[in-house]
Amino acid sequence: MPIDDDIIISGEAVIHPGDLHEDFIRSSGPGGQNVNKVATAVQLRFDAQNAEGLSDRVRERTIKLAGQ
């Protein structure tokens, strides 16, 4: 996906690619030969507090749900 493509969820929620942060990490669980050597999982983070593409209502609900 090109970096300038927004993800449109609804009229109140648009995620800009710059608001997403990905890290490649070692996954938990059995891994055979590659255990503790290869980053086979992706951790995707989204900062709802500072995302410009969310309405106040969606932002508040997203933060509330993330805290559960």
PDB file of N, CA and C in Angstrom:
ATOM      1  N   MET A   1       0.853  -1.169   0.000  1.00  0.00           N
ATOM      2  CA  MET A   1       0.000   0.000   0.000  1.00  0.00           C
ATOM      3  C   MET A   1       0.899   1.233   0.000  1.00  0.00           C
ATOM      4  N   PRO A   2       0.696   2.136  -0.933  1.00  0.00           N
ATOM      5  CA  PRO A   2       1.486   3.366  -0.938  1.00  0.00           C
ATOM      6  C   PRO A   2       1.257   4.154   0.347  1.00  0.00           C
ATOM      7  N   ILE A   3       2.248   4.883   0.776  1.00  0.00           N
ATOM      8  CA  ILE A   3       2.214   5.580   2.054  1.00  0.00           C
ATOM      9  C   ILE A   3       1.149   6.673   2.107  1.00  0.00           C
ATOM     10  N   ASP A   4       0.666   7.162   0.965  1.00  0.00           N
ATOM     11  CA  ASP A   4      -0.313   8.249   0.974  1.00  0.00           C
ATOM     12  C   ASP A   4      -1.757   7.765   0.889  1.00  0.00           C
ATOM     13  N   ASP A   5      -2.002   6.473   0.974  1.00  0.00           N
ATOM     14  CA  ASP A   5      -3.364   5.940   0.915  1.00  0.00           C
ATOM     15  C   ASP A   5      -3.979   5.899   2.307  1.00  0.00           C
ATOM     16  N   ASP A   6      -5.013   6.704   2.524  1.00  0.00           N
ATOM     17  CA  ASP A   6      -5.724   6.688   3.796  1.00  0.00           C
ATOM     18  C   ASP A   6      -6.637   5.469   3.856  1.00  0.00           C
ATOM     19  N   ILE A   7      -6.872   4.989   5.060  1.00  0.00           N
ATOM     20  CA  ILE A   7      -7.820   3.898   5.284  1.00  0.00           C
ATOM     21  C   ILE A   7      -9.100   4.547   5.782  1.00  0.00           C
ATOM     22  N   ILE A   8     -10.142   4.516   4.958  1.00  0.00           N
ATOM     23  CA  ILE A   8     -11.400   5.170   5.305  1.00  0.00           C
ATOM     24  C   ILE A   8     -12.301   4.142   5.977  1.00  0.00           C
ATOM     25  N   ILE A   9     -12.586   4.365   7.259  1.00  0.00           N
ATOM     26  CA  ILE A   9     -13.454   3.484   8.029  1.00  0.00           C
ATOM     27  C   ILE A   9     -14.892   3.976   7.911  1.00  0.00           C
ATOM     28  N   SER A  10     -15.091   5.269   8.106  1.00  0.00           N
ATOM     29  CA  SER A  10     -16.404   5.902   7.985  1.00  0.00           C
ATOM     30  C   SER A  10     -16.175   7.398   7.819  1.00  0.00           C
ATOM     31  N   GLY A  11     -17.254   8.159   7.798  1.00  0.00           N
ATOM     32  CA  GLY A  11     -17.118   9.607   7.706  1.00  0.00           C
ATOM     33  C   GLY A  11     -16.461  10.213   8.935  1.00  0.00           C
ATOM     34  N   GLU A  12     -16.486   9.479  10.047  1.00  0.00           N
ATOM     35  CA  GLU A  12     -15.915   9.968  11.303  1.00  0.00           C
ATOM     36  C   GLU A  12     -14.565   9.349  11.637  1.00  0.00           C
ATOM     37  N   ALA A  13     -14.124   8.406  10.807  1.00  0.00           N
ATOM     38  CA  ALA A  13     -12.875   7.710  11.131  1.00  0.00           C
ATOM     39  C   ALA A  13     -12.069   7.423   9.873  1.00  0.00           C
ATOM     40  N   VAL A  14     -10.942   8.106   9.758  1.00  0.00           N
ATOM     41  CA  VAL A  14     -10.004   7.896   8.660  1.00  0.00           C
ATOM     42  C   VAL A  14      -8.629   7.697   9.289  1.00  0.00           C
ATOM     43  N   ILE A  15      -7.960   6.611   8.930  1.00  0.00           N
ATOM     44  CA  ILE A  15      -6.636   6.334   9.478  1.00  0.00           C
ATOM     45  C   ILE A  15      -5.598   6.687   8.427  1.00  0.00           C
ATOM     46  N   HIS A  16      -4.720   7.603   8.776  1.00  0.00           N
ATOM     47  CA  HIS A  16      -3.627   7.991   7.894  1.00  0.00           C
ATOM     48  C   HIS A  16      -2.470   7.015   8.120  1.00  0.00           C
ATOM     49  N   PRO A  17      -1.809   6.556   7.072  1.00  0.00           N
ATOM     50  CA  PRO A  17      -0.704   5.598   7.235  1.00  0.00           C
ATOM     51  C   PRO A  17       0.364   6.062   8.220  1.00  0.00           C
ATOM     52  N   GLY A  18       0.580   7.354   8.318  1.00  0.00           N
ATOM     53  CA  GLY A  18       1.572   7.867   9.256  1.00  0.00           C
ATOM     54  C   GLY A  18       1.186   7.674  10.716  1.00  0.00           C
ATOM     55  N   ASP A  19      -0.107   7.387  10.964  1.00  0.00           N
ATOM     56  CA  ASP A  19      -0.578   7.148  12.331  1.00  0.00           C
ATOM     57  C   ASP A  19      -0.348   5.706  12.776  1.00  0.00           C
ATOM     58  N   LEU A  20       0.059   4.848  11.856  1.00  0.00           N
ATOM     59  CA  LEU A  20       0.313   3.442  12.176  1.00  0.00           C
ATOM     60  C   LEU A  20       1.810   3.217  12.339  1.00  0.00           C
ATOM     61  N   HIS A  21       2.163   2.459  13.345  1.00  0.00           N
ATOM     62  CA  HIS A  21       3.569   2.147  13.604  1.00  0.00           C
ATOM     63  C   HIS A  21       3.701   0.638  13.743  1.00  0.00           C
ATOM     64  N   GLU A  22       4.592   0.044  12.963  1.00  0.00           N
ATOM     65  CA  GLU A  22       4.762  -1.408  13.011  1.00  0.00           C
ATOM     66  C   GLU A  22       6.153  -1.769  13.512  1.00  0.00           C
ATOM     67  N   ASP A  23       6.183  -2.828  14.308  1.00  0.00           N
ATOM     68  CA  ASP A  23       7.439  -3.379  14.802  1.00  0.00           C
ATOM     69  C   ASP A  23       7.418  -4.872  14.519  1.00  0.00           C
ATOM     70  N   PHE A  24       8.526  -5.402  14.065  1.00  0.00           N
ATOM     71  CA  PHE A  24       8.654  -6.835  13.848  1.00  0.00           C
ATOM     72  C   PHE A  24       9.320  -7.414  15.080  1.00  0.00           C
ATOM     73  N   ILE A  25       8.639  -8.381  15.697  1.00  0.00           N
ATOM     74  CA  ILE A  25       9.098  -8.931  16.965  1.00  0.00           C
ATOM     75  C   ILE A  25       9.115 -10.452  16.919  1.00  0.00           C
ATOM     76  N   ARG A  26       9.765 -11.039  17.895  1.00  0.00           N
ATOM     77  CA  ARG A  26       9.750 -12.495  18.021  1.00  0.00           C
ATOM     78  C   ARG A  26       8.415 -12.896  18.617  1.00  0.00           C
ATOM     79  N   SER A  27       7.748 -13.832  17.987  1.00  0.00           N
ATOM     80  CA  SER A  27       6.452 -14.268  18.493  1.00  0.00           C
ATOM     81  C   SER A  27       6.650 -15.247  19.638  1.00  0.00           C
ATOM     82  N   SER A  28       5.632 -15.345  20.477  1.00  0.00           N
ATOM     83  CA  SER A  28       5.692 -16.291  21.583  1.00  0.00           C
ATOM     84  C   SER A  28       5.266 -17.670  21.091  1.00  0.00           C
ATOM     85  N   GLY A  29       5.510 -18.661  21.887  1.00  0.00           N
ATOM     86  CA  GLY A  29       5.111 -20.021  21.545  1.00  0.00           C
ATOM     87  C   GLY A  29       6.235 -20.791  20.896  1.00  0.00           C
ATOM     88  N   PRO A  30       5.961 -22.044  20.559  1.00  0.00           N
ATOM     89  CA  PRO A  30       6.998 -22.899  19.977  1.00  0.00           C
ATOM     90  C   PRO A  30       7.440 -22.377  18.614  1.00  0.00           C
ATOM     91  N   GLY A  31       8.717 -22.555  18.311  1.00  0.00           N
ATOM     92  CA  GLY A  31       9.219 -22.023  17.054  1.00  0.00           C
ATOM     93  C   GLY A  31      10.184 -22.917  16.322  1.00  0.00           C
ATOM     94  N   GLY A  32      10.474 -24.081  16.871  1.00  0.00           N
ATOM     95  CA  GLY A  32      11.389 -24.989  16.179  1.00  0.00           C
ATOM     96  C   GLY A  32      12.778 -24.408  16.067  1.00  0.00           C
ATOM     97  N   GLN A  33      13.386 -24.549  14.909  1.00  0.00           N
ATOM     98  CA  GLN A  33      14.769 -24.108  14.705  1.00  0.00           C
ATOM     99  C   GLN A  33      14.941 -22.602  14.839  1.00  0.00           C
ATOM    100  N   ASN A  34      13.901 -21.847  14.533  1.00  0.00           N
ATOM    101  CA  ASN A  34      14.029 -20.387  14.517  1.00  0.00           C
ATOM    102  C   ASN A  34      13.623 -19.717  15.827  1.00  0.00           C
ATOM    103  N   VAL A  35      13.308 -20.496  16.855  1.00  0.00           N
ATOM    104  CA  VAL A  35      12.858 -19.907  18.111  1.00  0.00           C
ATOM    105  C   VAL A  35      13.933 -18.953  18.650  1.00  0.00           C
ATOM    106  N   ASN A  36      13.502 -17.765  19.061  1.00  0.00           N
ATOM    107  CA  ASN A  36      14.371 -16.705  19.604  1.00  0.00           C
ATOM    108  C   ASN A  36      15.405 -16.187  18.606  1.00  0.00           C
ATOM    109  N   LYS A  37      15.223 -16.432  17.320  1.00  0.00           N
ATOM    110  CA  LYS A  37      16.181 -15.960  16.314  1.00  0.00           C
ATOM    111  C   LYS A  37      15.544 -15.046  15.271  1.00  0.00           C
ATOM    112  N   VAL A  38      14.294 -15.314  14.940  1.00  0.00           N
ATOM    113  CA  VAL A  38      13.668 -14.632  13.810  1.00  0.00           C
ATOM    114  C   VAL A  38      12.426 -13.866  14.273  1.00  0.00           C
ATOM    115  N   ALA A  39      12.293 -12.637  13.818  1.00  0.00           N
ATOM    116  CA  ALA A  39      11.106 -11.833  14.120  1.00  0.00           C
ATOM    117  C   ALA A  39       9.986 -12.270  13.184  1.00  0.00           C
ATOM    118  N   THR A  40       9.069 -13.073  13.699  1.00  0.00           N
ATOM    119  CA  THR A  40       8.013 -13.646  12.862  1.00  0.00           C
ATOM    120  C   THR A  40       6.636 -13.071  13.162  1.00  0.00           C
ATOM    121  N   ALA A  41       6.549 -12.083  14.030  1.00  0.00           N
ATOM    122  CA  ALA A  41       5.267 -11.463  14.358  1.00  0.00           C
ATOM    123  C   ALA A  41       5.370  -9.959  14.108  1.00  0.00           C
ATOM    124  N   VAL A  42       4.223  -9.350  13.854  1.00  0.00           N
ATOM    125  CA  VAL A  42       4.172  -7.902  13.649  1.00  0.00           C
ATOM    126  C   VAL A  42       3.297  -7.297  14.738  1.00  0.00           C
ATOM    127  N   GLN A  43       3.814  -6.274  15.392  1.00  0.00           N
ATOM    128  CA  GLN A  43       3.043  -5.526  16.375  1.00  0.00           C
ATOM    129  C   GLN A  43       2.653  -4.211  15.706  1.00  0.00           C
ATOM    130  N   LEU A  44       1.350  -3.991  15.566  1.00  0.00           N
ATOM    131  CA  LEU A  44       0.846  -2.783  14.916  1.00  0.00           C
ATOM    132  C   LEU A  44       0.259  -1.872  15.987  1.00  0.00           C
ATOM    133  N   ARG A  45       0.757  -0.639  16.048  1.00  0.00           N
ATOM    134  CA  ARG A  45       0.294   0.313  17.054  1.00  0.00           C
ATOM    135  C   ARG A  45      -0.360   1.507  16.374  1.00  0.00           C
ATOM    136  N   PHE A  46      -1.381   2.042  17.047  1.00  0.00           N
ATOM    137  CA  PHE A  46      -2.134   3.186  16.537  1.00  0.00           C
ATOM    138  C   PHE A  46      -2.356   4.154  17.692  1.00  0.00           C
ATOM    139  N   ASP A  47      -1.900   5.386  17.537  1.00  0.00           N
ATOM    140  CA  ASP A  47      -2.036   6.399  18.579  1.00  0.00           C
ATOM    141  C   ASP A  47      -3.337   7.163  18.367  1.00  0.00           C
ATOM    142  N   ALA A  48      -4.414   6.660  18.952  1.00  0.00           N
ATOM    143  CA  ALA A  48      -5.730   7.267  18.768  1.00  0.00           C
ATOM    144  C   ALA A  48      -5.791   8.673  19.359  1.00  0.00           C
ATOM    145  N   GLN A  49      -5.054   8.913  20.421  1.00  0.00           N
ATOM    146  CA  GLN A  49      -5.074  10.220  21.089  1.00  0.00           C
ATOM    147  C   GLN A  49      -4.639  11.343  20.148  1.00  0.00           C
ATOM    148  N   ASN A  50      -3.679  11.059  19.276  1.00  0.00           N
ATOM    149  CA  ASN A  50      -3.132  12.093  18.395  1.00  0.00           C
ATOM    150  C   ASN A  50      -3.513  11.931  16.928  1.00  0.00           C
ATOM    151  N   ALA A  51      -4.373  10.982  16.614  1.00  0.00           N
ATOM    152  CA  ALA A  51      -4.777  10.752  15.225  1.00  0.00           C
ATOM    153  C   ALA A  51      -5.722  11.863  14.768  1.00  0.00           C
ATOM    154  N   GLU A  52      -5.369  12.520  13.685  1.00  0.00           N
ATOM    155  CA  GLU A  52      -6.173  13.639  13.184  1.00  0.00           C
ATOM    156  C   GLU A  52      -7.428  13.183  12.444  1.00  0.00           C
ATOM    157  N   GLY A  53      -7.466  11.936  11.995  1.00  0.00           N
ATOM    158  CA  GLY A  53      -8.576  11.467  11.180  1.00  0.00           C
ATOM    159  C   GLY A  53      -9.769  10.944  11.956  1.00  0.00           C
ATOM    160  N   LEU A  54      -9.763  11.095  13.284  1.00  0.00           N
ATOM    161  CA  LEU A  54     -10.873  10.604  14.102  1.00  0.00           C
ATOM    162  C   LEU A  54     -11.685  11.772  14.647  1.00  0.00           C
ATOM    163  N   SER A  55     -13.009  11.608  14.637  1.00  0.00           N
ATOM    164  CA  SER A  55     -13.844  12.612  15.289  1.00  0.00           C
ATOM    165  C   SER A  55     -13.652  12.464  16.799  1.00  0.00           C
ATOM    166  N   ASP A  56     -14.057  13.463  17.556  1.00  0.00           N
ATOM    167  CA  ASP A  56     -13.908  13.393  19.013  1.00  0.00           C
ATOM    168  C   ASP A  56     -14.660  12.196  19.585  1.00  0.00           C
ATOM    169  N   ARG A  57     -15.845  11.923  19.056  1.00  0.00           N
ATOM    170  CA  ARG A  57     -16.653  10.798  19.540  1.00  0.00           C
ATOM    171  C   ARG A  57     -15.941   9.470  19.311  1.00  0.00           C
ATOM    172  N   VAL A  58     -15.417   9.274  18.113  1.00  0.00           N
ATOM    173  CA  VAL A  58     -14.717   8.032  17.780  1.00  0.00           C
ATOM    174  C   VAL A  58     -13.424   7.927  18.584  1.00  0.00           C
ATOM    175  N   ARG A  59     -12.717   9.031  18.743  1.00  0.00           N
ATOM    176  CA  ARG A  59     -11.464   9.034  19.514  1.00  0.00           C
ATOM    177  C   ARG A  59     -11.721   8.589  20.957  1.00  0.00           C
ATOM    178  N   GLU A  60     -12.725   9.185  21.601  1.00  0.00           N
ATOM    179  CA  GLU A  60     -13.034   8.840  22.989  1.00  0.00           C
ATOM    180  C   GLU A  60     -13.421   7.375  23.125  1.00  0.00           C
ATOM    181  N   ARG A  61     -14.231   6.882  22.211  1.00  0.00           N
ATOM    182  CA  ARG A  61     -14.663   5.474  22.270  1.00  0.00           C
ATOM    183  C   ARG A  61     -13.485   4.535  22.026  1.00  0.00           C
ATOM    184  N   THR A  62     -12.621   4.870  21.090  1.00  0.00           N
ATOM    185  CA  THR A  62     -11.453   4.034  20.789  1.00  0.00           C
ATOM    186  C   THR A  62     -10.531   3.944  21.999  1.00  0.00           C
ATOM    187  N   ILE A  63     -10.285   5.065  22.640  1.00  0.00           N
ATOM    188  CA  ILE A  63      -9.416   5.082  23.817  1.00  0.00           C
ATOM    189  C   ILE A  63     -10.052   4.291  24.957  1.00  0.00           C
ATOM    190  N   LYS A  64     -11.357   4.433  25.118  1.00  0.00           N
ATOM    191  CA  LYS A  64     -12.057   3.686  26.172  1.00  0.00           C
ATOM    192  C   LYS A  64     -11.963   2.182  25.919  1.00  0.00           C
ATOM    193  N   LEU A  65     -12.188   1.757  24.683  1.00  0.00           N
ATOM    194  CA  LEU A  65     -12.124   0.328  24.352  1.00  0.00           C
ATOM    195  C   LEU A  65     -10.708  -0.225  24.497  1.00  0.00           C
ATOM    196  N   ALA A  66      -9.709   0.577  24.170  1.00  0.00           N
ATOM    197  CA  ALA A  66      -8.321   0.118  24.273  1.00  0.00           C
ATOM    198  C   ALA A  66      -7.915  -0.092  25.724  1.00  0.00           C
ATOM    199  N   GLY A  67      -8.565   0.607  26.639  1.00  0.00           N
ATOM    200  CA  GLY A  67      -8.231   0.486  28.051  1.00  0.00           C
ATOM    201  C   GLY A  67      -8.838  -0.719  28.737  1.00  0.00           C
ATOM    202  N   GLN A  68      -9.680  -1.462  28.051  1.00  0.00           N
ATOM    203  CA  GLN A  68     -10.343  -2.626  28.669  1.00  0.00           C
ATOM    204  C   GLN A  68      -9.432  -3.815  28.725  1.00  0.00           C
TER     205      GLN A  68
END
